[in-house]
Amino acid sequence: MANTLRAASVEALSSADLDAKVATTHRAAAQWRERTLSLRGPGDTPVPDRPGRPKKPELVAPRLLRKRSLNSLGGRIALIHALAHIELNAIDLALDIVARFATRQIPLSFFDNWMQVADDEARHFTLLRTRLRSLGSDYGDLPAHDGLWQAATDTRGDLHARLAIVPLVLEARGLDVTPGLAASLRASGDGETAAILDIIYSDEKTHVAVGAKWFRFFCARDGINAADRFRVLVREHFHGQVKPPFNDRARSAAGLTPLFYRALSSASMSR
């Protein structure tokens, strides 16, 4: 069993057995909270370039994923499967930021925050996978896209960029779309899945706040204007569009004010 947080994170990150990945993540988070793990050690396994994955789902280009109506069972299963895939990647992104940057001179509270994020994402994945099973499906039954890990690859050597892209672009997007998805699910009669999205949305606010807190911290430490630096990094590292509508209220409550992202969007719409 791993005796450092970095080693435990690499173990969970590398696991292709998803039950083991979730269990190892929960265990590492609990041990780190109790301070029964040191942060790093000379014998730690190197951080892998890619996370461990089972043989399924088949990974395809995003354009090949068919959209389905939430008014059908198949459409709801497809949505839950897509969300489970996002949460699985979110587990690994949180583990990766811990393992990859554990050799830097960073306050221990940084790792407190990101292990809590990893713990939350593992819980989200389990909730969604359990829901899929209750509907007669499972994670891996449908294809999924591989674009999410590109964020980790593109920012593997730059902590500023990792914080800008993962919590402050990708996870912040969840603040924009999750309330609407939950409302649509309730309208289609699927209150059980909507309740899971409510949990995820509540936690996402905390995760974006963690990202904003540490992005501002490192920019301040380096004497850099945080909003200006954010826009430069997004233009350099994000392969997509920062699209409205924005949930300005939730974003601002998390410390991500419109000054950061408005200039990145060609439109100006908000809720």
Foldseek 3Di string as FASTA:
>chain_A
DDQALLQLLQVLQADQPLVVNLVSLLVSLVCVVVVSHHHDDPPRDDRDLHGHHHPFDAADAPVPDDADDLLDLVNVLSVLLQVLVVLVVQLNLLSLLSNLCSVDPDDVVLNNLSSVSNNLSSVLSVLSQVVSVVSVHGHRPHYYHDPPSLQCNLCSPPPLLNLLPPLVQVLQVLLACLVVVLVSNVVSVNNSVSVSSVSVNVVSLSSSLSSLVVSVVVCVVVVHDSLVVSVVSCVVRPPDAREDDGAQVSCVVSVNHCSNPVVRYPDDHYD
